[in-house]
């Protein structure tokens, strides 16, 4: 699978607070061996993949990995799960 086919957009701003003060944090491989860069906002602390994978690729990954949701959850539940200590 070619990464160009599954990349959506490259972000110049934080997805949460819109700050441009974002920095590369780490690289991680997904279950298909594709390397993704994780960025962190130095303003609010939000971490995110950059460039963004397409929604269809994310759906495939979460379905195969077993980490997909079985039922809807609220935004507050998502934020609680993702809170960084």
C-alpha atoms as a PDB file:
ATOM      1  CA  UNK A   1       0.000   0.000   0.000  1.00  0.00           C
ATOM      2  CA  UNK A   2       1.368   3.389  -1.013  1.00  0.00           C
ATOM      3  CA  UNK A   3       1.211   6.011   1.736  1.00  0.00           C
ATOM      4  CA  UNK A   4       0.298   8.669  -0.857  1.00  0.00           C
ATOM      5  CA  UNK A   5      -3.050   6.907  -1.327  1.00  0.00           C
ATOM      6  CA  UNK A   6      -3.990   7.138   2.351  1.00  0.00           C
ATOM      7  CA  UNK A   7      -2.764  10.622   3.294  1.00  0.00           C
ATOM      8  CA  UNK A   8      -5.384  13.333   3.501  1.00  0.00           C
ATOM      9  CA  UNK A   9      -3.852  16.697   4.461  1.00  0.00           C
ATOM     10  CA  UNK A  10      -0.804  18.105   6.212  1.00  0.00           C
ATOM     11  CA  UNK A  11      -1.706  20.348   9.111  1.00  0.00           C
ATOM     12  CA  UNK A  12       0.018  23.653   9.814  1.00  0.00           C
ATOM     13  CA  UNK A  13      -2.071  24.295  12.955  1.00  0.00           C
ATOM     14  CA  UNK A  14      -3.178  22.376  16.042  1.00  0.00           C
ATOM     15  CA  UNK A  15      -6.448  20.502  15.559  1.00  0.00           C
ATOM     16  CA  UNK A  16      -7.688  21.655  18.985  1.00  0.00           C
ATOM     17  CA  UNK A  17      -6.612  25.272  19.544  1.00  0.00           C
ATOM     18  CA  UNK A  18      -5.471  26.283  16.020  1.00  0.00           C
ATOM     19  CA  UNK A  19      -2.044  27.393  17.253  1.00  0.00           C
ATOM     20  CA  UNK A  20       0.814  27.235  14.732  1.00  0.00           C
ATOM     21  CA  UNK A  21       3.181  26.290  17.567  1.00  0.00           C
ATOM     22  CA  UNK A  22       3.305  22.564  16.711  1.00  0.00           C
ATOM     23  CA  UNK A  23       6.351  20.304  16.788  1.00  0.00           C
ATOM     24  CA  UNK A  24       7.225  16.781  15.709  1.00  0.00           C
ATOM     25  CA  UNK A  25       7.178  14.448  18.699  1.00  0.00           C
ATOM     26  CA  UNK A  26       7.730  10.876  17.467  1.00  0.00           C
ATOM     27  CA  UNK A  27       7.266   8.432  14.604  1.00  0.00           C
ATOM     28  CA  UNK A  28       5.162   5.287  15.019  1.00  0.00           C
ATOM     29  CA  UNK A  29       4.340   2.416  12.682  1.00  0.00           C
ATOM     30  CA  UNK A  30       0.776   1.198  12.310  1.00  0.00           C
ATOM     31  CA  UNK A  31      -0.260  -2.450  11.936  1.00  0.00           C
ATOM     32  CA  UNK A  32       0.504  -2.269   8.199  1.00  0.00           C
ATOM     33  CA  UNK A  33       4.064  -1.084   8.811  1.00  0.00           C
ATOM     34  CA  UNK A  34       3.327   2.441   7.608  1.00  0.00           C
ATOM     35  CA  UNK A  35       5.227   5.099   9.554  1.00  0.00           C
ATOM     36  CA  UNK A  36       3.252   8.114  10.805  1.00  0.00           C
ATOM     37  CA  UNK A  37       4.587  11.262  12.478  1.00  0.00           C
ATOM     38  CA  UNK A  38       3.033  12.371  15.738  1.00  0.00           C
ATOM     39  CA  UNK A  39       3.030  16.092  16.435  1.00  0.00           C
ATOM     40  CA  UNK A  40       2.274  17.901  19.686  1.00  0.00           C
ATOM     41  CA  UNK A  41       0.927  21.400  20.148  1.00  0.00           C
ATOM     42  CA  UNK A  42       3.184  23.409  22.438  1.00  0.00           C
ATOM     43  CA  UNK A  43       0.266  25.709  23.248  1.00  0.00           C
ATOM     44  CA  UNK A  44      -2.382  23.229  24.489  1.00  0.00           C
ATOM     45  CA  UNK A  45      -0.572  19.861  24.555  1.00  0.00           C
ATOM     46  CA  UNK A  46      -2.778  18.077  22.003  1.00  0.00           C
ATOM     47  CA  UNK A  47      -1.066  15.276  20.101  1.00  0.00           C
ATOM     48  CA  UNK A  48      -2.056  14.337  16.551  1.00  0.00           C
ATOM     49  CA  UNK A  49      -0.893  12.478  13.454  1.00  0.00           C
ATOM     50  CA  UNK A  50       0.478  14.764  10.754  1.00  0.00           C
ATOM     51  CA  UNK A  51      -0.088  14.436   7.848  1.00  0.00           C
ATOM     52  CA  UNK A  52      -3.613  13.163   8.473  1.00  0.00           C
ATOM     53  CA  UNK A  53      -4.642   9.704   7.271  1.00  0.00           C
ATOM     54  CA  UNK A  54      -7.886   9.459   5.331  1.00  0.00           C
ATOM     55  CA  UNK A  55     -11.055   8.533   7.205  1.00  0.00           C
ATOM     56  CA  UNK A  56     -11.412   5.330   5.168  1.00  0.00           C
ATOM     57  CA  UNK A  57      -7.883   4.231   6.152  1.00  0.00           C
ATOM     58  CA  UNK A  58      -8.573   4.935   9.839  1.00  0.00           C
ATOM     59  CA  UNK A  59     -11.775   2.895   9.669  1.00  0.00           C
ATOM     60  CA  UNK A  60      -9.847  -0.049   8.186  1.00  0.00           C
ATOM     61  CA  UNK A  61      -7.107   0.162  10.825  1.00  0.00           C
ATOM     62  CA  UNK A  62      -9.506   0.312  13.773  1.00  0.00           C
ATOM     63  CA  UNK A  63     -11.669  -2.485  12.380  1.00  0.00           C
ATOM     64  CA  UNK A  64      -8.688  -4.820  11.893  1.00  0.00           C
ATOM     65  CA  UNK A  65      -6.906  -3.927  15.141  1.00  0.00           C
ATOM     66  CA  UNK A  66      -9.927  -4.586  17.348  1.00  0.00           C
ATOM     67  CA  UNK A  67      -9.761  -1.095  18.834  1.00  0.00           C
ATOM     68  CA  UNK A  68     -12.844   0.135  16.993  1.00  0.00           C
ATOM     69  CA  UNK A  69     -15.808   1.251  19.033  1.00  0.00           C
ATOM     70  CA  UNK A  70     -18.684  -1.175  19.432  1.00  0.00           C
ATOM     71  CA  UNK A  71     -21.097   1.609  20.393  1.00  0.00           C
ATOM     72  CA  UNK A  72     -21.084   5.424  20.275  1.00  0.00           C
ATOM     73  CA  UNK A  73     -19.434   7.381  23.080  1.00  0.00           C
ATOM     74  CA  UNK A  74     -19.635  11.036  24.054  1.00  0.00           C
ATOM     75  CA  UNK A  75     -16.987  13.669  23.456  1.00  0.00           C
ATOM     76  CA  UNK A  76     -16.330  13.790  27.205  1.00  0.00           C
ATOM     77  CA  UNK A  77     -15.636  10.029  27.236  1.00  0.00           C
ATOM     78  CA  UNK A  78     -13.172  10.437  24.359  1.00  0.00           C
ATOM     79  CA  UNK A  79     -11.391  13.288  26.126  1.00  0.00           C
ATOM     80  CA  UNK A  80     -11.208  11.297  29.363  1.00  0.00           C
ATOM     81  CA  UNK A  81      -9.654   8.314  27.552  1.00  0.00           C
ATOM     82  CA  UNK A  82      -7.123  10.511  25.745  1.00  0.00           C
ATOM     83  CA  UNK A  83      -6.087  12.678  28.686  1.00  0.00           C
ATOM     84  CA  UNK A  84      -2.320  12.898  29.004  1.00  0.00           C
ATOM     85  CA  UNK A  85      -1.002  12.939  32.555  1.00  0.00           C
END
